[in-house]
PDB file of N, CA and C in Angstrom:
ATOM      1  N   MET A   1      -3.181   2.136  11.185  1.00  0.00           N
ATOM      2  CA  MET A   1      -4.322   1.331  10.799  1.00  0.00           C
ATOM      3  C   MET A   1      -3.809   0.147   9.980  1.00  0.00           C
ATOM      4  N   ALA A   2      -4.375  -1.000  10.233  1.00  0.00           N
ATOM      5  CA  ALA A   2      -4.004  -2.195   9.479  1.00  0.00           C
ATOM      6  C   ALA A   2      -4.493  -2.082   8.041  1.00  0.00           C
ATOM      7  N   LEU A   3      -3.814  -2.781   7.157  1.00  0.00           N
ATOM      8  CA  LEU A   3      -4.250  -2.798   5.764  1.00  0.00           C
ATOM      9  C   LEU A   3      -5.629  -3.444   5.665  1.00  0.00           C
ATOM     10  N   ASP A   4      -6.471  -2.884   4.815  1.00  0.00           N
ATOM     11  CA  ASP A   4      -7.867  -3.324   4.692  1.00  0.00           C
ATOM     12  C   ASP A   4      -8.008  -4.300   3.523  1.00  0.00           C
ATOM     13  N   LYS A   5      -7.770  -5.586   3.810  1.00  0.00           N
ATOM     14  CA  LYS A   5      -7.827  -6.601   2.760  1.00  0.00           C
ATOM     15  C   LYS A   5      -9.230  -6.790   2.207  1.00  0.00           C
ATOM     16  N   ASP A   6     -10.242  -6.587   3.048  1.00  0.00           N
ATOM     17  CA  ASP A   6     -11.617  -6.765   2.576  1.00  0.00           C
ATOM     18  C   ASP A   6     -11.965  -5.755   1.486  1.00  0.00           C
ATOM     19  N   THR A   7     -11.552  -4.508   1.658  1.00  0.00           N
ATOM     20  CA  THR A   7     -11.820  -3.487   0.640  1.00  0.00           C
ATOM     21  C   THR A   7     -11.055  -3.795  -0.639  1.00  0.00           C
ATOM     22  N   LEU A   8      -9.809  -4.259  -0.514  1.00  0.00           N
ATOM     23  CA  LEU A   8      -9.035  -4.647  -1.696  1.00  0.00           C
ATOM     24  C   LEU A   8      -9.732  -5.794  -2.418  1.00  0.00           C
ATOM     25  N   ARG A   9     -10.149  -6.803  -1.677  1.00  0.00           N
ATOM     26  CA  ARG A   9     -10.843  -7.951  -2.281  1.00  0.00           C
ATOM     27  C   ARG A   9     -12.091  -7.500  -3.029  1.00  0.00           C
ATOM     28  N   ASP A  10     -12.882  -6.626  -2.393  1.00  0.00           N
ATOM     29  CA  ASP A  10     -14.111  -6.143  -3.020  1.00  0.00           C
ATOM     30  C   ASP A  10     -13.823  -5.364  -4.299  1.00  0.00           C
ATOM     31  N   ALA A  11     -12.773  -4.533  -4.288  1.00  0.00           N
ATOM     32  CA  ALA A  11     -12.418  -3.763  -5.486  1.00  0.00           C
ATOM     33  C   ALA A  11     -11.963  -4.683  -6.613  1.00  0.00           C
ATOM     34  N   LEU A  12     -11.216  -5.728  -6.273  1.00  0.00           N
ATOM     35  CA  LEU A  12     -10.775  -6.680  -7.297  1.00  0.00           C
ATOM     36  C   LEU A  12     -11.952  -7.474  -7.854  1.00  0.00           C
ATOM     37  N   ILE A  13     -12.866  -7.879  -6.994  1.00  0.00           N
ATOM     38  CA  ILE A  13     -14.060  -8.589  -7.466  1.00  0.00           C
ATOM     39  C   ILE A  13     -14.870  -7.706  -8.402  1.00  0.00           C
ATOM     40  N   THR A  14     -15.011  -6.434  -8.054  1.00  0.00           N
ATOM     41  CA  THR A  14     -15.734  -5.497  -8.915  1.00  0.00           C
ATOM     42  C   THR A  14     -15.075  -5.405 -10.283  1.00  0.00           C
ATOM     43  N   ALA A  15     -13.746  -5.337 -10.307  1.00  0.00           N
ATOM     44  CA  ALA A  15     -13.023  -5.274 -11.587  1.00  0.00           C
ATOM     45  C   ALA A  15     -13.240  -6.551 -12.395  1.00  0.00           C
ATOM     46  N   PHE A  16     -13.184  -7.702 -11.735  1.00  0.00           N
ATOM     47  CA  PHE A  16     -13.392  -8.969 -12.434  1.00  0.00           C
ATOM     48  C   PHE A  16     -14.820  -9.062 -12.985  1.00  0.00           C
ATOM     49  N   GLU A  17     -15.799  -8.650 -12.175  1.00  0.00           N
ATOM     50  CA  GLU A  17     -17.188  -8.691 -12.627  1.00  0.00           C
ATOM     51  C   GLU A  17     -17.413  -7.755 -13.810  1.00  0.00           C
ATOM     52  N   GLN A  18     -16.781  -6.603 -13.785  1.00  0.00           N
ATOM     53  CA  GLN A  18     -16.889  -5.656 -14.902  1.00  0.00           C
ATOM     54  C   GLN A  18     -16.390  -6.327 -16.187  1.00  0.00           C
ATOM     55  N   GLY A  19     -15.275  -7.043 -16.066  1.00  0.00           N
ATOM     56  CA  GLY A  19     -14.726  -7.734 -17.227  1.00  0.00           C
ATOM     57  C   GLY A  19     -15.640  -8.813 -17.768  1.00  0.00           C
ATOM     58  N   LEU A  20     -16.422  -9.423 -16.895  1.00  0.00           N
ATOM     59  CA  LEU A  20     -17.344 -10.478 -17.334  1.00  0.00           C
ATOM     60  C   LEU A  20     -18.609  -9.933 -17.980  1.00  0.00           C
ATOM     61  N   THR A  21     -18.995  -8.713 -17.607  1.00  0.00           N
ATOM     62  CA  THR A  21     -20.276  -8.186 -18.065  1.00  0.00           C
ATOM     63  C   THR A  21     -20.175  -7.091 -19.125  1.00  0.00           C
ATOM     64  N   ASP A  22     -19.032  -6.451 -19.234  1.00  0.00           N
ATOM     65  CA  ASP A  22     -18.877  -5.325 -20.166  1.00  0.00           C
ATOM     66  C   ASP A  22     -18.042  -5.765 -21.365  1.00  0.00           C
ATOM     67  N   PRO A  23     -18.658  -5.897 -22.545  1.00  0.00           N
ATOM     68  CA  PRO A  23     -17.904  -6.357 -23.716  1.00  0.00           C
ATOM     69  C   PRO A  23     -16.819  -5.364 -24.163  1.00  0.00           C
ATOM     70  N   GLU A  24     -16.913  -4.130 -23.715  1.00  0.00           N
ATOM     71  CA  GLU A  24     -15.913  -3.118 -24.069  1.00  0.00           C
ATOM     72  C   GLU A  24     -14.713  -3.124 -23.105  1.00  0.00           C
ATOM     73  N   TRP A  25     -14.802  -3.880 -22.029  1.00  0.00           N
ATOM     74  CA  TRP A  25     -13.756  -3.924 -20.999  1.00  0.00           C
ATOM     75  C   TRP A  25     -12.526  -4.613 -21.577  1.00  0.00           C
ATOM     76  N   THR A  26     -11.396  -3.937 -21.550  1.00  0.00           N
ATOM     77  CA  THR A  26     -10.160  -4.476 -22.128  1.00  0.00           C
ATOM     78  C   THR A  26      -9.222  -4.960 -21.031  1.00  0.00           C
ATOM     79  N   LYS A  27      -8.184  -5.664 -21.432  1.00  0.00           N
ATOM     80  CA  LYS A  27      -7.201  -6.096 -20.437  1.00  0.00           C
ATOM     81  C   LYS A  27      -6.498  -4.890 -19.819  1.00  0.00           C
ATOM     82  N   GLU A  28      -6.372  -3.810 -20.586  1.00  0.00           N
ATOM     83  CA  GLU A  28      -5.788  -2.577 -20.046  1.00  0.00           C
ATOM     84  C   GLU A  28      -6.705  -1.976 -18.975  1.00  0.00           C
ATOM     85  N   ASP A  29      -8.033  -2.019 -19.221  1.00  0.00           N
ATOM     86  CA  ASP A  29      -8.994  -1.544 -18.217  1.00  0.00           C
ATOM     87  C   ASP A  29      -8.881  -2.382 -16.941  1.00  0.00           C
ATOM     88  N   ALA A  30      -8.783  -3.686 -17.113  1.00  0.00           N
ATOM     89  CA  ALA A  30      -8.674  -4.581 -15.960  1.00  0.00           C
ATOM     90  C   ALA A  30      -7.387  -4.305 -15.190  1.00  0.00           C
ATOM     91  N   ALA A  31      -6.296  -4.163 -15.909  1.00  0.00           N
ATOM     92  CA  ALA A  31      -5.012  -3.887 -15.260  1.00  0.00           C
ATOM     93  C   ALA A  31      -5.058  -2.559 -14.503  1.00  0.00           C
ATOM     94  N   GLN A  32      -5.674  -1.535 -15.105  1.00  0.00           N
ATOM     95  CA  GLN A  32      -5.774  -0.235 -14.441  1.00  0.00           C
ATOM     96  C   GLN A  32      -6.646  -0.317 -13.194  1.00  0.00           C
ATOM     97  N   ALA A  33      -7.765  -1.022 -13.273  1.00  0.00           N
ATOM     98  CA  ALA A  33      -8.650  -1.166 -12.119  1.00  0.00           C
ATOM     99  C   ALA A  33      -7.940  -1.895 -10.973  1.00  0.00           C
ATOM    100  N   MET A  34      -7.191  -2.938 -11.307  1.00  0.00           N
ATOM    101  CA  MET A  34      -6.457  -3.668 -10.280  1.00  0.00           C
ATOM    102  C   MET A  34      -5.327  -2.823  -9.705  1.00  0.00           C
ATOM    103  N   ALA A  35      -4.610  -2.096 -10.564  1.00  0.00           N
ATOM    104  CA  ALA A  35      -3.537  -1.223 -10.087  1.00  0.00           C
ATOM    105  C   ALA A  35      -4.095  -0.143  -9.161  1.00  0.00           C
ATOM    106  N   ASP A  36      -5.238   0.424  -9.516  1.00  0.00           N
ATOM    107  CA  ASP A  36      -5.871   1.443  -8.670  1.00  0.00           C
ATOM    108  C   ASP A  36      -6.269   0.860  -7.317  1.00  0.00           C
ATOM    109  N   ALA A  37      -6.827  -0.346  -7.318  1.00  0.00           N
ATOM    110  CA  ALA A  37      -7.244  -0.990  -6.073  1.00  0.00           C
ATOM    111  C   ALA A  37      -6.039  -1.269  -5.178  1.00  0.00           C
ATOM    112  N   ILE A  38      -4.959  -1.737  -5.765  1.00  0.00           N
ATOM    113  CA  ILE A  38      -3.749  -2.025  -4.992  1.00  0.00           C
ATOM    114  C   ILE A  38      -3.134  -0.735  -4.466  1.00  0.00           C
ATOM    115  N   ASP A  39      -3.150   0.326  -5.276  1.00  0.00           N
ATOM    116  CA  ASP A  39      -2.612   1.614  -4.847  1.00  0.00           C
ATOM    117  C   ASP A  39      -3.370   2.141  -3.626  1.00  0.00           C
ATOM    118  N   VAL A  40      -4.694   2.089  -3.668  1.00  0.00           N
ATOM    119  CA  VAL A  40      -5.515   2.536  -2.536  1.00  0.00           C
ATOM    120  C   VAL A  40      -5.219   1.674  -1.307  1.00  0.00           C
ATOM    121  N   PHE A  41      -5.083   0.372  -1.506  1.00  0.00           N
ATOM    122  CA  PHE A  41      -4.795  -0.559  -0.417  1.00  0.00           C
ATOM    123  C   PHE A  41      -3.474  -0.203   0.268  1.00  0.00           C
ATOM    124  N   VAL A  42      -2.424  -0.024  -0.511  1.00  0.00           N
ATOM    125  CA  VAL A  42      -1.099   0.242   0.047  1.00  0.00           C
ATOM    126  C   VAL A  42      -1.045   1.612   0.705  1.00  0.00           C
ATOM    127  N   ARG A  43      -1.624   2.613   0.066  1.00  0.00           N
ATOM    128  CA  ARG A  43      -1.588   3.965   0.636  1.00  0.00           C
ATOM    129  C   ARG A  43      -2.449   4.102   1.883  1.00  0.00           C
ATOM    130  N   GLY A  44      -3.308   3.122   2.143  1.00  0.00           N
ATOM    131  CA  GLY A  44      -4.123   3.140   3.348  1.00  0.00           C
ATOM    132  C   GLY A  44      -3.370   2.706   4.594  1.00  0.00           C
ATOM    133  N   ALA A  45      -2.146   2.252   4.418  1.00  0.00           N
ATOM    134  CA  ALA A  45      -1.363   1.776   5.560  1.00  0.00           C
ATOM    135  C   ALA A  45      -0.850   2.943   6.394  1.00  0.00           C
ATOM    136  N   GLU A  46      -0.744   2.707   7.677  1.00  0.00           N
ATOM    137  CA  GLU A  46      -0.086   3.648   8.569  1.00  0.00           C
ATOM    138  C   GLU A  46       1.171   2.977   9.092  1.00  0.00           C
ATOM    139  N   VAL A  47       2.262   3.710   9.106  1.00  0.00           N
ATOM    140  CA  VAL A  47       3.545   3.188   9.551  1.00  0.00           C
ATOM    141  C   VAL A  47       3.774   3.677  10.975  1.00  0.00           C
ATOM    142  N   THR A  48       3.974   2.748  11.896  1.00  0.00           N
ATOM    143  CA  THR A  48       4.159   3.104  13.310  1.00  0.00           C
ATOM    144  C   THR A  48       5.300   2.292  13.910  1.00  0.00           C
ATOM    145  N   ASP A  49       5.747   2.724  15.062  1.00  0.00           N
ATOM    146  CA  ASP A  49       6.726   1.986  15.875  1.00  0.00           C
ATOM    147  C   ASP A  49       8.035   1.695  15.143  1.00  0.00           C
ATOM    148  N   ILE A  50       8.562   2.695  14.461  1.00  0.00           N
ATOM    149  CA  ILE A  50       9.830   2.532  13.757  1.00  0.00           C
ATOM    150  C   ILE A  50      10.978   2.886  14.696  1.00  0.00           C
ATOM    151  N   VAL A  51      11.930   1.972  14.831  1.00  0.00           N
ATOM    152  CA  VAL A  51      13.134   2.211  15.620  1.00  0.00           C
ATOM    153  C   VAL A  51      14.315   1.980  14.690  1.00  0.00           C
ATOM    154  N   VAL A  52      15.256   2.925  14.680  1.00  0.00           N
ATOM    155  CA  VAL A  52      16.411   2.809  13.796  1.00  0.00           C
ATOM    156  C   VAL A  52      17.703   2.931  14.588  1.00  0.00           C
ATOM    157  N   ASP A  53      18.743   2.362  14.045  1.00  0.00           N
ATOM    158  CA  ASP A  53      20.082   2.475  14.585  1.00  0.00           C
ATOM    159  C   ASP A  53      20.749   3.661  13.904  1.00  0.00           C
ATOM    160  N   VAL A  54      21.255   4.597  14.671  1.00  0.00           N
ATOM    161  CA  VAL A  54      21.897   5.784  14.114  1.00  0.00           C
ATOM    162  C   VAL A  54      23.407   5.559  14.131  1.00  0.00           C
ATOM    163  N   VAL A  55      24.030   5.747  12.951  1.00  0.00           N
ATOM    164  CA  VAL A  55      25.481   5.557  12.833  1.00  0.00           C
ATOM    165  C   VAL A  55      26.111   6.794  12.224  1.00  0.00           C
ATOM    166  N   ASP A  56      27.401   6.950  12.463  1.00  0.00           N
ATOM    167  CA  ASP A  56      28.111   8.069  11.847  1.00  0.00           C
ATOM    168  C   ASP A  56      28.608   7.655  10.467  1.00  0.00           C
ATOM    169  N   ASP A  57      29.380   8.527   9.826  1.00  0.00           N
ATOM    170  CA  ASP A  57      29.862   8.253   8.466  1.00  0.00           C
ATOM    171  C   ASP A  57      30.742   7.007   8.379  1.00  0.00           C
ATOM    172  N   SER A  58      31.295   6.572   9.517  1.00  0.00           N
ATOM    173  CA  SER A  58      32.141   5.374   9.543  1.00  0.00           C
ATOM    174  C   SER A  58      31.356   4.139   9.993  1.00  0.00           C
ATOM    175  N   SER A  59      30.035   4.266  10.050  1.00  0.00           N
ATOM    176  CA  SER A  59      29.147   3.177  10.467  1.00  0.00           C
ATOM    177  C   SER A  59      29.323   2.793  11.930  1.00  0.00           C
ATOM    178  N   VAL A  60      29.792   3.730  12.745  1.00  0.00           N
ATOM    179  CA  VAL A  60      29.916   3.498  14.183  1.00  0.00           C
ATOM    180  C   VAL A  60      28.590   3.883  14.834  1.00  0.00           C
ATOM    181  N   HIS A  61      28.069   2.987  15.663  1.00  0.00           N
ATOM    182  CA  HIS A  61      26.798   3.215  16.350  1.00  0.00           C
ATOM    183  C   HIS A  61      26.923   4.435  17.270  1.00  0.00           C
ATOM    184  N   ILE A  62      26.007   5.393  17.118  1.00  0.00           N
ATOM    185  CA  ILE A  62      26.015   6.569  17.989  1.00  0.00           C
ATOM    186  C   ILE A  62      24.673   6.773  18.692  1.00  0.00           C
ATOM    187  N   GLY A  63      23.705   5.885  18.458  1.00  0.00           N
ATOM    188  CA  GLY A  63      22.429   6.010  19.139  1.00  0.00           C
ATOM    189  C   GLY A  63      21.325   5.316  18.382  1.00  0.00           C
ATOM    190  N   THR A  64      20.096   5.600  18.822  1.00  0.00           N
ATOM    191  CA  THR A  64      18.921   5.044  18.159  1.00  0.00           C
ATOM    192  C   THR A  64      17.929   6.166  17.918  1.00  0.00           C
ATOM    193  N   GLY A  65      17.019   5.914  17.029  1.00  0.00           N
ATOM    194  CA  GLY A  65      15.949   6.855  16.758  1.00  0.00           C
ATOM    195  C   GLY A  65      14.624   6.122  16.826  1.00  0.00           C
ATOM    196  N   THR A  66      13.600   6.820  17.281  1.00  0.00           N
ATOM    197  CA  THR A  66      12.279   6.209  17.409  1.00  0.00           C
ATOM    198  C   THR A  66      11.240   7.132  16.813  1.00  0.00           C
ATOM    199  N   GLN A  67      10.363   6.583  16.014  1.00  0.00           N
ATOM    200  CA  GLN A  67       9.258   7.364  15.436  1.00  0.00           C
ATOM    201  C   GLN A  67       8.235   7.650  16.518  1.00  0.00           C
ATOM    202  N   THR A  68       7.791   8.913  16.596  1.00  0.00           N
ATOM    203  CA  THR A  68       6.826   9.262  17.627  1.00  0.00           C
ATOM    204  C   THR A  68       5.421   9.464  17.084  1.00  0.00           C
ATOM    205  N   GLY A  69       5.281   9.593  15.783  1.00  0.00           N
ATOM    206  CA  GLY A  69       3.961   9.811  15.187  1.00  0.00           C
ATOM    207  C   GLY A  69       3.591   8.679  14.258  1.00  0.00           C
ATOM    208  N   THR A  70       2.587   8.918  13.456  1.00  0.00           N
ATOM    209  CA  THR A  70       2.142   7.946  12.470  1.00  0.00           C
ATOM    210  C   THR A  70       2.514   8.446  11.097  1.00  0.00           C
ATOM    211  N   GLY A  71       3.189   7.615  10.330  1.00  0.00           N
ATOM    212  CA  GLY A  71       3.545   7.975   8.958  1.00  0.00           C
ATOM    213  C   GLY A  71       2.631   7.271   7.977  1.00  0.00           C
ATOM    214  N   THR A  72       2.604   7.779   6.752  1.00  0.00           N
ATOM    215  CA  THR A  72       1.817   7.156   5.706  1.00  0.00           C
ATOM    216  C   THR A  72       2.709   6.930   4.496  1.00  0.00           C
ATOM    217  N   LEU A  73       2.255   6.100   3.611  1.00  0.00           N
ATOM    218  CA  LEU A  73       2.979   5.829   2.364  1.00  0.00           C
ATOM    219  C   LEU A  73       2.443   6.759   1.290  1.00  0.00           C
ATOM    220  N   THR A  74       3.344   7.329   0.512  1.00  0.00           N
ATOM    221  CA  THR A  74       2.901   8.227  -0.571  1.00  0.00           C
ATOM    222  C   THR A  74       3.416   7.733  -1.892  1.00  0.00           C
TER     223      THR A  74
END
C-alpha cells in the first residue's frame, strides 16, 4: 500500500489546530503529536518487490533473492 499522505497531513493539521486553541498545549505536546503522526504514516507502508544480490563471504556474486510477500516496517 502506498503511503497515505492525506492522513498524515490531517493529523498534522489537527496537532497545529490543537496548539492554536488549547492554552495548555506545550511544544512537547506538539512534538509528540507530530512524532505519533509520522510514526503511523511510516508504519503504514508496505514493502514489496525487493530484489537483492546474494554474495558469499568474499563478496563473490552467487545469485539473487526476490521477496515473494509483503513486508511492513516495525
